[in-house]
Amino acid sequence: MDEKTADFLRIIASVIIPPVGVFFQVGLGLHFWLNILLTLLGYIPGLLHAIWIILKK
């Protein structure tokens, strides 16, 4: 699968549940747990963090 297609699917997963997209990108690392915390504090911060992590790599 093309990397751009994979990123697109991760972003779609992140729109539904932000930690899922981060998990698909980095696994159970620090960014995953940070994203869960941000999502619990508010959906938008978790979503922005997820999209940033996906597009950064």
PDB file of N, CA and C in Angstrom:
ATOM      1  N   MET A   1       0.838  -1.171   0.000  1.00  0.00           N
ATOM      2  CA  MET A   1       0.000   0.000   0.000  1.00  0.00           C
ATOM      3  C   MET A   1       0.889   1.242   0.000  1.00  0.00           C
ATOM      4  N   ASP A   2       0.496   2.216  -0.775  1.00  0.00           N
ATOM      5  CA  ASP A   2       1.227   3.478  -0.866  1.00  0.00           C
ATOM      6  C   ASP A   2       1.213   4.186   0.490  1.00  0.00           C
ATOM      7  N   GLU A   3       2.302   4.867   0.815  1.00  0.00           N
ATOM      8  CA  GLU A   3       2.421   5.553   2.117  1.00  0.00           C
ATOM      9  C   GLU A   3       1.373   6.652   2.268  1.00  0.00           C
ATOM     10  N   LYS A   4       1.070   7.368   1.185  1.00  0.00           N
ATOM     11  CA  LYS A   4       0.044   8.417   1.262  1.00  0.00           C
ATOM     12  C   LYS A   4      -1.329   7.829   1.536  1.00  0.00           C
ATOM     13  N   THR A   5      -1.608   6.677   0.964  1.00  0.00           N
ATOM     14  CA  THR A   5      -2.877   6.006   1.220  1.00  0.00           C
ATOM     15  C   THR A   5      -2.954   5.547   2.667  1.00  0.00           C
ATOM     16  N   ALA A   6      -1.852   5.008   3.176  1.00  0.00           N
ATOM     17  CA  ALA A   6      -1.818   4.575   4.571  1.00  0.00           C
ATOM     18  C   ALA A   6      -2.008   5.763   5.507  1.00  0.00           C
ATOM     19  N   ASP A   7      -1.373   6.898   5.207  1.00  0.00           N
ATOM     20  CA  ASP A   7      -1.554   8.093   6.024  1.00  0.00           C
ATOM     21  C   ASP A   7      -3.003   8.569   5.988  1.00  0.00           C
ATOM     22  N   PHE A   8      -3.615   8.523   4.816  1.00  0.00           N
ATOM     23  CA  PHE A   8      -5.015   8.926   4.686  1.00  0.00           C
ATOM     24  C   PHE A   8      -5.915   8.048   5.557  1.00  0.00           C
ATOM     25  N   LEU A   9      -5.681   6.743   5.545  1.00  0.00           N
ATOM     26  CA  LEU A   9      -6.485   5.839   6.363  1.00  0.00           C
ATOM     27  C   LEU A   9      -6.251   6.070   7.858  1.00  0.00           C
ATOM     28  N   ARG A  10      -5.010   6.393   8.235  1.00  0.00           N
ATOM     29  CA  ARG A  10      -4.719   6.713   9.639  1.00  0.00           C
ATOM     30  C   ARG A  10      -5.435   7.987  10.066  1.00  0.00           C
ATOM     31  N   ILE A  11      -5.485   8.970   9.185  1.00  0.00           N
ATOM     32  CA  ILE A  11      -6.181  10.222   9.512  1.00  0.00           C
ATOM     33  C   ILE A  11      -7.675   9.976   9.652  1.00  0.00           C
ATOM     34  N   ILE A  12      -8.238   9.155   8.789  1.00  0.00           N
ATOM     35  CA  ILE A  12      -9.661   8.823   8.907  1.00  0.00           C
ATOM     36  C   ILE A  12      -9.918   8.118  10.233  1.00  0.00           C
ATOM     37  N   ALA A  13      -9.053   7.184  10.622  1.00  0.00           N
ATOM     38  CA  ALA A  13      -9.197   6.509  11.910  1.00  0.00           C
ATOM     39  C   ALA A  13      -9.058   7.501  13.057  1.00  0.00           C
ATOM     40  N   SER A  14      -8.194   8.498  12.892  1.00  0.00           N
ATOM     41  CA  SER A  14      -8.001   9.503  13.936  1.00  0.00           C
ATOM     42  C   SER A  14      -9.210  10.411  14.094  1.00  0.00           C
ATOM     43  N   VAL A  15      -9.908  10.681  13.026  1.00  0.00           N
ATOM     44  CA  VAL A  15     -11.108  11.511  13.117  1.00  0.00           C
ATOM     45  C   VAL A  15     -12.163  10.778  13.939  1.00  0.00           C
ATOM     46  N   ILE A  16     -12.237   9.472  13.790  1.00  0.00           N
ATOM     47  CA  ILE A  16     -13.212   8.689  14.544  1.00  0.00           C
ATOM     48  C   ILE A  16     -12.769   8.544  15.996  1.00  0.00           C
ATOM     49  N   ILE A  17     -11.560   8.041  16.219  1.00  0.00           N
ATOM     50  CA  ILE A  17     -10.990   7.873  17.559  1.00  0.00           C
ATOM     51  C   ILE A  17      -9.505   8.225  17.455  1.00  0.00           C
ATOM     52  N   PRO A  18      -9.102   9.414  17.925  1.00  0.00           N
ATOM     53  CA  PRO A  18      -7.723   9.881  17.739  1.00  0.00           C
ATOM     54  C   PRO A  18      -6.620   8.909  18.190  1.00  0.00           C
ATOM     55  N   PRO A  19      -6.724   8.238  19.344  1.00  0.00           N
ATOM     56  CA  PRO A  19      -5.630   7.340  19.723  1.00  0.00           C
ATOM     57  C   PRO A  19      -5.410   6.168  18.762  1.00  0.00           C
ATOM     58  N   VAL A  20      -6.427   5.778  18.029  1.00  0.00           N
ATOM     59  CA  VAL A  20      -6.278   4.657  17.095  1.00  0.00           C
ATOM     60  C   VAL A  20      -5.309   5.022  15.974  1.00  0.00           C
ATOM     61  N   GLY A  21      -5.451   6.209  15.413  1.00  0.00           N
ATOM     62  CA  GLY A  21      -4.535   6.643  14.354  1.00  0.00           C
ATOM     63  C   GLY A  21      -3.104   6.745  14.847  1.00  0.00           C
ATOM     64  N   VAL A  22      -2.919   7.239  16.084  1.00  0.00           N
ATOM     65  CA  VAL A  22      -1.577   7.331  16.650  1.00  0.00           C
ATOM     66  C   VAL A  22      -1.024   5.936  16.893  1.00  0.00           C
ATOM     67  N   PHE A  23      -1.844   5.023  17.374  1.00  0.00           N
ATOM     68  CA  PHE A  23      -1.406   3.648  17.601  1.00  0.00           C
ATOM     69  C   PHE A  23      -0.920   3.005  16.303  1.00  0.00           C
ATOM     70  N   PHE A  24      -1.663   3.210  15.216  1.00  0.00           N
ATOM     71  CA  PHE A  24      -1.258   2.645  13.934  1.00  0.00           C
ATOM     72  C   PHE A  24       0.056   3.247  13.440  1.00  0.00           C
ATOM     73  N   GLN A  25       0.355   4.475  13.855  1.00  0.00           N
ATOM     74  CA  GLN A  25       1.579   5.133  13.407  1.00  0.00           C
ATOM     75  C   GLN A  25       2.782   4.769  14.272  1.00  0.00           C
ATOM     76  N   VAL A  26       2.633   4.837  15.608  1.00  0.00           N
ATOM     77  CA  VAL A  26       3.802   4.694  16.485  1.00  0.00           C
ATOM     78  C   VAL A  26       3.710   3.534  17.472  1.00  0.00           C
ATOM     79  N   GLY A  27       2.597   2.851  17.549  1.00  0.00           N
ATOM     80  CA  GLY A  27       2.468   1.750  18.502  1.00  0.00           C
ATOM     81  C   GLY A  27       2.160   2.270  19.900  1.00  0.00           C
ATOM     82  N   LEU A  28       2.523   1.488  20.915  1.00  0.00           N
ATOM     83  CA  LEU A  28       2.198   1.833  22.304  1.00  0.00           C
ATOM     84  C   LEU A  28       3.300   2.671  22.950  1.00  0.00           C
ATOM     85  N   GLY A  29       3.754   3.685  22.271  1.00  0.00           N
ATOM     86  CA  GLY A  29       4.817   4.534  22.786  1.00  0.00           C
ATOM     87  C   GLY A  29       4.278   5.722  23.553  1.00  0.00           C
ATOM     88  N   LEU A  30       5.167   6.640  23.849  1.00  0.00           N
ATOM     89  CA  LEU A  30       4.832   7.841  24.605  1.00  0.00           C
ATOM     90  C   LEU A  30       3.746   8.658  23.913  1.00  0.00           C
ATOM     91  N   HIS A  31       3.823   8.802  22.599  1.00  0.00           N
ATOM     92  CA  HIS A  31       2.841   9.604  21.875  1.00  0.00           C
ATOM     93  C   HIS A  31       1.440   9.009  21.965  1.00  0.00           C
ATOM     94  N   PHE A  32       1.350   7.699  22.006  1.00  0.00           N
ATOM     95  CA  PHE A  32       0.040   7.053  22.142  1.00  0.00           C
ATOM     96  C   PHE A  32      -0.605   7.434  23.470  1.00  0.00           C
ATOM     97  N   TRP A  33       0.156   7.314  24.556  1.00  0.00           N
ATOM     98  CA  TRP A  33      -0.392   7.614  25.886  1.00  0.00           C
ATOM     99  C   TRP A  33      -0.675   9.103  26.036  1.00  0.00           C
ATOM    100  N   LEU A  34       0.173   9.937  25.460  1.00  0.00           N
ATOM    101  CA  LEU A  34      -0.076  11.375  25.474  1.00  0.00           C
ATOM    102  C   LEU A  34      -1.359  11.694  24.717  1.00  0.00           C
ATOM    103  N   ASN A  35      -1.582  11.011  23.615  1.00  0.00           N
ATOM    104  CA  ASN A  35      -2.785  11.253  22.837  1.00  0.00           C
ATOM    105  C   ASN A  35      -4.033  10.814  23.590  1.00  0.00           C
ATOM    106  N   ILE A  36      -3.957   9.730  24.324  1.00  0.00           N
ATOM    107  CA  ILE A  36      -5.108   9.319  25.141  1.00  0.00           C
ATOM    108  C   ILE A  36      -5.417  10.403  26.172  1.00  0.00           C
ATOM    109  N   LEU A  37      -4.388  10.924  26.817  1.00  0.00           N
ATOM    110  CA  LEU A  37      -4.590  11.991  27.800  1.00  0.00           C
ATOM    111  C   LEU A  37      -5.204  13.225  27.150  1.00  0.00           C
ATOM    112  N   LEU A  38      -4.675  13.637  26.005  1.00  0.00           N
ATOM    113  CA  LEU A  38      -5.213  14.809  25.312  1.00  0.00           C
ATOM    114  C   LEU A  38      -6.650  14.585  24.856  1.00  0.00           C
ATOM    115  N   THR A  39      -6.971  13.376  24.415  1.00  0.00           N
ATOM    116  CA  THR A  39      -8.323  13.072  23.981  1.00  0.00           C
ATOM    117  C   THR A  39      -9.288  13.092  25.165  1.00  0.00           C
ATOM    118  N   LEU A  40      -8.839  12.631  26.321  1.00  0.00           N
ATOM    119  CA  LEU A  40      -9.685  12.685  27.520  1.00  0.00           C
ATOM    120  C   LEU A  40      -9.917  14.131  27.968  1.00  0.00           C
ATOM    121  N   LEU A  41      -8.928  14.988  27.759  1.00  0.00           N
ATOM    122  CA  LEU A  41      -9.079  16.397  28.124  1.00  0.00           C
ATOM    123  C   LEU A  41      -9.951  17.153  27.127  1.00  0.00           C
ATOM    124  N   GLY A  42     -10.053  16.633  25.929  1.00  0.00           N
ATOM    125  CA  GLY A  42     -10.871  17.259  24.893  1.00  0.00           C
ATOM    126  C   GLY A  42     -10.610  16.601  23.559  1.00  0.00           C
ATOM    127  N   TYR A  43     -11.642  16.423  22.794  1.00  0.00           N
ATOM    128  CA  TYR A  43     -11.511  15.722  21.514  1.00  0.00           C
ATOM    129  C   TYR A  43     -10.571  16.462  20.556  1.00  0.00           C
ATOM    130  N   ILE A  44     -10.700  17.778  20.473  1.00  0.00           N
ATOM    131  CA  ILE A  44      -9.927  18.558  19.505  1.00  0.00           C
ATOM    132  C   ILE A  44      -8.420  18.483  19.774  1.00  0.00           C
ATOM    133  N   PRO A  45      -7.950  18.645  21.024  1.00  0.00           N
ATOM    134  CA  PRO A  45      -6.502  18.501  21.238  1.00  0.00           C
ATOM    135  C   PRO A  45      -5.976  17.116  20.851  1.00  0.00           C
ATOM    136  N   GLY A  46      -6.746  16.083  21.150  1.00  0.00           N
ATOM    137  CA  GLY A  46      -6.340  14.732  20.764  1.00  0.00           C
ATOM    138  C   GLY A  46      -6.304  14.561  19.259  1.00  0.00           C
ATOM    139  N   LEU A  47      -7.275  15.125  18.576  1.00  0.00           N
ATOM    140  CA  LEU A  47      -7.323  15.030  17.120  1.00  0.00           C
ATOM    141  C   LEU A  47      -6.164  15.783  16.477  1.00  0.00           C
ATOM    142  N   LEU A  48      -5.881  16.983  16.951  1.00  0.00           N
ATOM    143  CA  LEU A  48      -4.770  17.756  16.393  1.00  0.00           C
ATOM    144  C   LEU A  48      -3.435  17.060  16.628  1.00  0.00           C
ATOM    145  N   HIS A  49      -3.257  16.496  17.805  1.00  0.00           N
ATOM    146  CA  HIS A  49      -2.023  15.773  18.104  1.00  0.00           C
ATOM    147  C   HIS A  49      -1.895  14.550  17.194  1.00  0.00           C
ATOM    148  N   ALA A  50      -2.981  13.821  16.998  1.00  0.00           N
ATOM    149  CA  ALA A  50      -2.953  12.634  16.154  1.00  0.00           C
ATOM    150  C   ALA A  50      -2.576  12.992  14.718  1.00  0.00           C
ATOM    151  N   ILE A  51      -3.183  14.032  14.183  1.00  0.00           N
ATOM    152  CA  ILE A  51      -2.877  14.426  12.813  1.00  0.00           C
ATOM    153  C   ILE A  51      -1.433  14.909  12.708  1.00  0.00           C
ATOM    154  N   TRP A  52      -0.968  15.630  13.708  1.00  0.00           N
ATOM    155  CA  TRP A  52       0.427  16.091  13.718  1.00  0.00           C
ATOM    156  C   TRP A  52       1.407  14.904  13.725  1.00  0.00           C
ATOM    157  N   ILE A  53       1.130  13.903  14.548  1.00  0.00           N
ATOM    158  CA  ILE A  53       2.003  12.723  14.618  1.00  0.00           C
ATOM    159  C   ILE A  53       2.006  11.971  13.277  1.00  0.00           C
ATOM    160  N   ILE A  54       0.853  11.832  12.671  1.00  0.00           N
ATOM    161  CA  ILE A  54       0.763  11.095  11.405  1.00  0.00           C
ATOM    162  C   ILE A  54       1.499  11.842  10.283  1.00  0.00           C
ATOM    163  N   LEU A  55       1.307  13.130  10.199  1.00  0.00           N
ATOM    164  CA  LEU A  55       1.929  13.887   9.113  1.00  0.00           C
ATOM    165  C   LEU A  55       3.403  14.181   9.348  1.00  0.00           C
ATOM    166  N   LYS A  56       3.857  14.109  10.601  1.00  0.00           N
ATOM    167  CA  LYS A  56       5.248  14.377  10.925  1.00  0.00           C
ATOM    168  C   LYS A  56       6.172  13.301  10.392  1.00  0.00           C
ATOM    169  N   LYS A  57       5.758  12.048  10.390  1.00  0.00           N
ATOM    170  CA  LYS A  57       6.635  10.948  10.024  1.00  0.00           C
ATOM    171  C   LYS A  57       6.620  10.674   8.541  1.00  0.00           C
TER     172      LYS A  57
END
